[in-house]
């Protein structure tokens, strides 16, 4: 870094709520300055019809579905959550029987095959349009009856606010965190003028190989992939801000 360059102390957090505030707080605890740039926004579908009468368990691929479930699904129904953060949010929402998978939809399908009986009732997969289809197919192949219901929509969030544009233009961003391939695509699509040039000095941290592939359409200082598809692994890749910077 040239001696007159500003210190790169900032980290862009591109995920939407719920989750954005938690991640920003975790980034700050590592000594960085977190900048919110959610690339997507989530719209709960509160009137989605949930077929619960014959449901033996709910399989949750994302915490984004929780708002549409809380208060409508009995709190003791078995929940299989894709990862630890989603499981914690379900427990915080009052659900009492929550089991955690290892972080991916494939892991969630494996957990269902290990823990559940296809003859004991159907499985509910609450998700968004175009999401959760591979999981539903895998479960049906294993003999389960699956009700996939759209309980939220995912929309592009649009261009970043003035504070983020200033941070990008000022060269103070060291890293950007990406939690899905769609987040990466929308982030790149809505960068402000000159934003792509700023990426040459920023390292992107991706939750998965598919997210890395979406990011690779731009030129970054580096693209790092988390060792596991969860927030803890993303923060491990980010690391603590070096002292003196």
Protein backbone atom coordinates (compact mmCIF):
# COMPACT_ATOMS: atom_id res chain seq x y z
CA UNK A 1 0.00 0.00 0.00
CA UNK A 2 1.43 3.45 -0.91
CA UNK A 3 2.37 5.52 2.17
CA UNK A 4 -0.29 8.15 1.42
CA UNK A 5 -3.10 5.62 0.82
CA UNK A 6 -5.96 5.51 3.35
CA UNK A 7 -5.97 2.49 5.67
CA UNK A 8 -8.27 -0.27 4.43
CA UNK A 9 -10.32 -0.84 7.57
CA UNK A 10 -13.75 -1.45 6.05
CA UNK A 11 -15.70 -4.61 5.28
CA UNK A 12 -18.80 -4.72 3.08
CA UNK A 13 -21.57 -6.99 4.37
CA UNK A 14 -23.85 -7.85 1.47
CA UNK A 15 -26.43 -10.15 3.09
CA UNK A 16 -29.99 -8.97 3.84
CA UNK A 17 -31.86 -9.00 7.11
CA UNK A 18 -32.40 -11.16 9.04
CA UNK A 19 -28.70 -11.75 9.45
CA UNK A 20 -27.20 -8.46 8.30
CA UNK A 21 -27.04 -6.85 11.76
CA UNK A 22 -25.62 -10.00 13.38
CA UNK A 23 -22.88 -10.25 10.78
CA UNK A 24 -22.00 -6.56 11.05
CA UNK A 25 -21.64 -6.92 14.82
CA UNK A 26 -19.38 -9.97 14.37
CA UNK A 27 -17.23 -8.07 11.85
CA UNK A 28 -16.88 -5.14 14.26
CA UNK A 29 -15.77 -7.51 17.03
CA UNK A 30 -12.87 -8.52 14.78
CA UNK A 31 -11.72 -4.90 14.68
CA UNK A 32 -13.08 -3.93 11.27
CA UNK A 33 -15.53 -1.19 10.34
CA UNK A 34 -18.63 -2.88 8.90
CA UNK A 35 -20.51 -1.25 6.01
CA UNK A 36 -24.01 -2.50 5.18
CA UNK A 37 -24.58 -3.11 1.48
CA UNK A 38 -27.41 -5.66 1.30
CA UNK A 39 -27.68 -6.82 -2.30
CA UNK A 40 -31.08 -8.44 -1.75
CA UNK A 41 -34.20 -7.66 0.24
CA UNK A 42 -36.58 -10.21 1.68
CA UNK A 43 -40.38 -9.91 1.57
CA UNK A 44 -42.24 -12.41 3.79
CA UNK A 45 -45.42 -13.91 2.32
CA UNK A 46 -47.48 -13.94 5.49
CA UNK A 47 -50.62 -15.41 3.86
CA UNK A 48 -48.86 -18.43 2.35
CA UNK A 49 -50.90 -21.60 2.88
CA UNK A 50 -48.98 -24.11 5.02
CA UNK A 51 -50.20 -27.74 4.84
CA UNK A 52 -49.54 -28.69 8.45
CA UNK A 53 -52.14 -31.37 9.23
CA UNK A 54 -50.01 -34.28 7.99
CA UNK A 55 -46.57 -32.68 8.32
CA UNK A 56 -44.05 -34.59 10.44
CA UNK A 57 -41.19 -32.04 10.17
CA UNK A 58 -40.13 -28.73 8.67
CA UNK A 59 -36.87 -28.50 6.71
CA UNK A 60 -35.43 -25.01 6.79
CA UNK A 61 -32.83 -23.99 4.21
CA UNK A 62 -32.71 -20.34 5.31
CA UNK A 63 -33.56 -18.18 8.28
CA UNK A 64 -35.44 -15.93 5.87
CA UNK A 65 -38.45 -18.24 6.24
CA UNK A 66 -38.79 -17.79 10.00
CA UNK A 67 -40.98 -14.68 9.92
CA UNK A 68 -43.68 -16.54 7.99
CA UNK A 69 -43.56 -19.56 10.33
CA UNK A 70 -43.48 -17.99 13.80
CA UNK A 71 -46.95 -18.03 15.36
CA UNK A 72 -48.38 -20.22 12.55
CA UNK A 73 -46.50 -23.48 13.13
CA UNK A 74 -46.73 -25.28 16.46
CA UNK A 75 -43.52 -24.66 18.42
CA UNK A 76 -42.83 -28.34 19.16
CA UNK A 77 -42.87 -29.56 15.55
CA UNK A 78 -39.51 -31.12 14.58
CA UNK A 79 -37.35 -28.61 12.71
CA UNK A 80 -34.34 -29.61 10.62
CA UNK A 81 -32.23 -26.48 10.06
CA UNK A 82 -29.53 -26.16 7.42
CA UNK A 83 -26.95 -24.70 9.82
CA UNK A 84 -26.25 -23.49 13.32
CA UNK A 85 -27.23 -19.84 12.78
CA UNK A 86 -30.60 -20.77 11.28
CA UNK A 87 -31.15 -23.23 14.15
CA UNK A 88 -30.38 -20.55 16.73
CA UNK A 89 -32.87 -18.18 15.12
CA UNK A 90 -35.55 -20.87 15.17
CA UNK A 91 -34.95 -21.46 18.87
CA UNK A 92 -35.03 -17.71 19.49
CA UNK A 93 -38.42 -17.66 17.71
CA UNK A 94 -39.75 -20.21 20.21
CA UNK A 95 -39.28 -23.54 18.42
CA UNK A 96 -38.18 -26.27 20.82
CA UNK A 97 -37.25 -29.31 18.68
CA UNK A 98 -34.48 -28.12 16.36
CA UNK A 99 -31.79 -30.33 14.79
CA UNK A 100 -28.85 -28.87 12.89
CA UNK A 101 -27.46 -30.07 9.55
CA UNK A 102 -23.89 -29.47 8.41
CA UNK A 103 -24.53 -26.39 6.30
CA UNK A 104 -25.85 -27.27 2.83
CA UNK A 105 -29.13 -28.44 1.31
CA UNK A 106 -27.47 -31.80 0.56
CA UNK A 107 -26.57 -32.11 4.26
CA UNK A 108 -30.17 -31.29 5.14
CA UNK A 109 -31.43 -34.06 2.86
CA UNK A 110 -28.96 -36.50 4.45
CA UNK A 111 -30.17 -35.53 7.92
CA UNK A 112 -33.80 -36.12 6.90
CA UNK A 113 -32.97 -39.55 5.50
CA UNK A 114 -31.15 -40.44 8.73
CA UNK A 115 -33.71 -39.07 11.22
CA UNK A 116 -37.13 -39.25 9.56
CA UNK A 117 -39.48 -41.97 8.30
CA UNK A 118 -41.10 -41.49 4.87
CA UNK A 119 -44.18 -43.26 6.21
CA UNK A 120 -44.65 -40.94 9.20
CA UNK A 121 -45.98 -37.93 7.31
CA UNK A 122 -44.99 -35.31 4.78
CA UNK A 123 -42.16 -32.78 4.99
CA UNK A 124 -42.67 -29.03 4.69
CA UNK A 125 -39.95 -27.05 2.88
CA UNK A 126 -40.73 -23.31 3.34
CA UNK A 127 -38.70 -21.30 0.86
CA UNK A 128 -38.80 -18.67 -1.92
CA UNK A 129 -39.75 -18.95 -5.60
CA UNK A 130 -37.08 -20.94 -7.51
CA UNK A 131 -35.34 -21.89 -4.22
CA UNK A 132 -35.36 -25.30 -2.54
CA UNK A 133 -36.15 -27.29 -5.66
CA UNK A 134 -33.09 -29.55 -5.53
CA UNK A 135 -33.81 -30.37 -1.89
CA UNK A 136 -37.42 -31.29 -2.67
CA UNK A 137 -36.31 -33.54 -5.55
CA UNK A 138 -33.72 -35.31 -3.37
CA UNK A 139 -36.27 -35.94 -0.63
CA UNK A 140 -38.89 -37.27 -3.04
CA UNK A 141 -36.32 -39.65 -4.47
CA UNK A 142 -35.79 -40.92 -0.92
CA UNK A 143 -39.51 -41.73 -0.70
CA UNK A 144 -40.77 -38.68 1.23
CA UNK A 145 -43.86 -36.68 0.41
CA UNK A 146 -42.74 -33.06 0.20
CA UNK A 147 -44.76 -29.85 0.36
CA UNK A 148 -42.58 -27.01 -0.93
CA UNK A 149 -44.20 -23.65 -0.12
CA UNK A 150 -43.03 -20.14 -0.96
CA UNK A 151 -43.14 -18.09 2.24
CA UNK A 152 -40.88 -15.21 1.18
CA UNK A 153 -39.70 -13.42 -1.95
CA UNK A 154 -36.15 -12.35 -2.76
CA UNK A 155 -35.82 -9.00 -4.54
CA UNK A 156 -32.77 -7.03 -5.70
CA UNK A 157 -32.00 -4.24 -3.24
CA UNK A 158 -30.66 -1.90 -5.90
CA UNK A 159 -27.82 0.60 -5.72
CA UNK A 160 -25.80 1.12 -2.51
CA UNK A 161 -26.35 4.18 -0.33
CA UNK A 162 -24.14 7.27 -0.30
CA UNK A 163 -21.98 6.07 2.63
CA UNK A 164 -21.03 2.86 0.81
CA UNK A 165 -20.35 4.72 -2.43
CA UNK A 166 -18.04 7.07 -0.53
CA UNK A 167 -16.24 4.15 1.13
CA UNK A 168 -15.71 2.41 -2.21
CA UNK A 169 -14.47 5.58 -3.89
CA UNK A 170 -12.21 6.38 -0.93
CA UNK A 171 -10.37 3.06 -1.07
CA UNK A 172 -11.04 2.14 2.57
CA UNK A 173 -12.73 -1.23 1.91
CA UNK A 174 -10.49 -4.25 2.49
CA UNK A 175 -13.01 -7.10 2.07
CA UNK A 176 -16.56 -7.92 1.04
CA UNK A 177 -18.56 -10.88 2.40
CA UNK A 178 -20.91 -12.89 0.18
CA UNK A 179 -23.42 -15.46 1.44
CA UNK A 180 -24.94 -16.67 -1.86
CA UNK A 181 -24.36 -16.67 -5.59
CA UNK A 182 -27.44 -14.51 -6.15
CA UNK A 183 -26.12 -11.95 -3.65
CA UNK A 184 -22.85 -11.84 -5.61
CA UNK A 185 -24.64 -11.37 -8.94
CA UNK A 186 -26.86 -8.55 -7.65
CA UNK A 187 -23.93 -6.85 -5.92
CA UNK A 188 -21.97 -6.70 -9.18
CA UNK A 189 -25.03 -5.64 -11.18
CA UNK A 190 -25.73 -2.63 -8.96
CA UNK A 191 -22.23 -1.32 -8.34
CA UNK A 192 -22.02 2.46 -8.84
CA UNK A 193 -19.98 4.04 -11.62
CA UNK A 194 -16.32 3.35 -10.96
CA UNK A 195 -17.16 0.61 -8.49
CA UNK A 196 -15.68 -2.20 -10.57
CA UNK A 197 -12.30 -0.46 -10.55
CA UNK A 198 -12.41 -0.34 -6.74
CA UNK A 199 -12.76 -4.13 -6.57
CA UNK A 200 -9.13 -4.54 -7.65
CA UNK A 201 -8.13 -3.54 -4.11
CA UNK A 202 -10.77 -5.64 -2.31
CA UNK A 203 -10.76 -9.31 -1.40
CA UNK A 204 -14.05 -11.11 -1.80
CA UNK A 205 -14.94 -13.84 0.70
CA UNK A 206 -17.43 -16.37 -0.66
CA UNK A 207 -19.52 -18.90 1.24
CA UNK A 208 -19.36 -21.52 -1.53
CA UNK A 209 -17.83 -22.47 -4.86
CA UNK A 210 -20.97 -21.34 -6.70
CA UNK A 211 -20.67 -17.93 -5.04
CA UNK A 212 -17.01 -17.80 -6.06
CA UNK A 213 -18.02 -18.52 -9.67
CA UNK A 214 -20.49 -15.62 -9.64
CA UNK A 215 -17.84 -13.29 -8.23
CA UNK A 216 -15.22 -14.35 -10.78
CA UNK A 217 -16.88 -12.26 -13.50
CA UNK A 218 -15.17 -9.24 -11.86
CA UNK A 219 -11.52 -8.53 -11.05
CA UNK A 220 -10.75 -8.63 -7.31
CA UNK A 221 -7.57 -8.45 -5.29
CA UNK A 222 -8.41 -12.04 -4.33
CA UNK A 223 -11.41 -14.34 -3.99
CA UNK A 224 -11.32 -16.55 -0.89
CA UNK A 225 -13.79 -19.38 -0.29
CA UNK A 226 -14.89 -20.33 3.21
CA UNK A 227 -13.83 -23.78 4.38
CA UNK A 228 -17.46 -24.53 5.29
CA UNK A 229 -20.72 -22.96 4.12
CA UNK A 230 -21.40 -20.99 7.30
CA UNK A 231 -20.77 -17.62 8.89
CA UNK A 232 -18.06 -18.84 11.27
CA UNK A 233 -15.97 -20.03 8.32
CA UNK A 234 -16.51 -16.75 6.46
CA UNK A 235 -15.32 -14.81 9.51
CA UNK A 236 -12.31 -17.14 9.80
CA UNK A 237 -11.36 -16.17 6.24
CA UNK A 238 -11.84 -12.49 7.07
CA UNK A 239 -9.65 -12.70 10.17
CA UNK A 240 -8.96 -10.10 12.78
CA UNK A 241 -7.93 -6.68 11.52
CA UNK A 242 -4.13 -6.36 11.79
CA UNK A 243 -2.98 -4.10 14.60
CA UNK A 244 -1.84 -0.66 13.53
CA UNK A 245 -3.93 -0.51 10.35
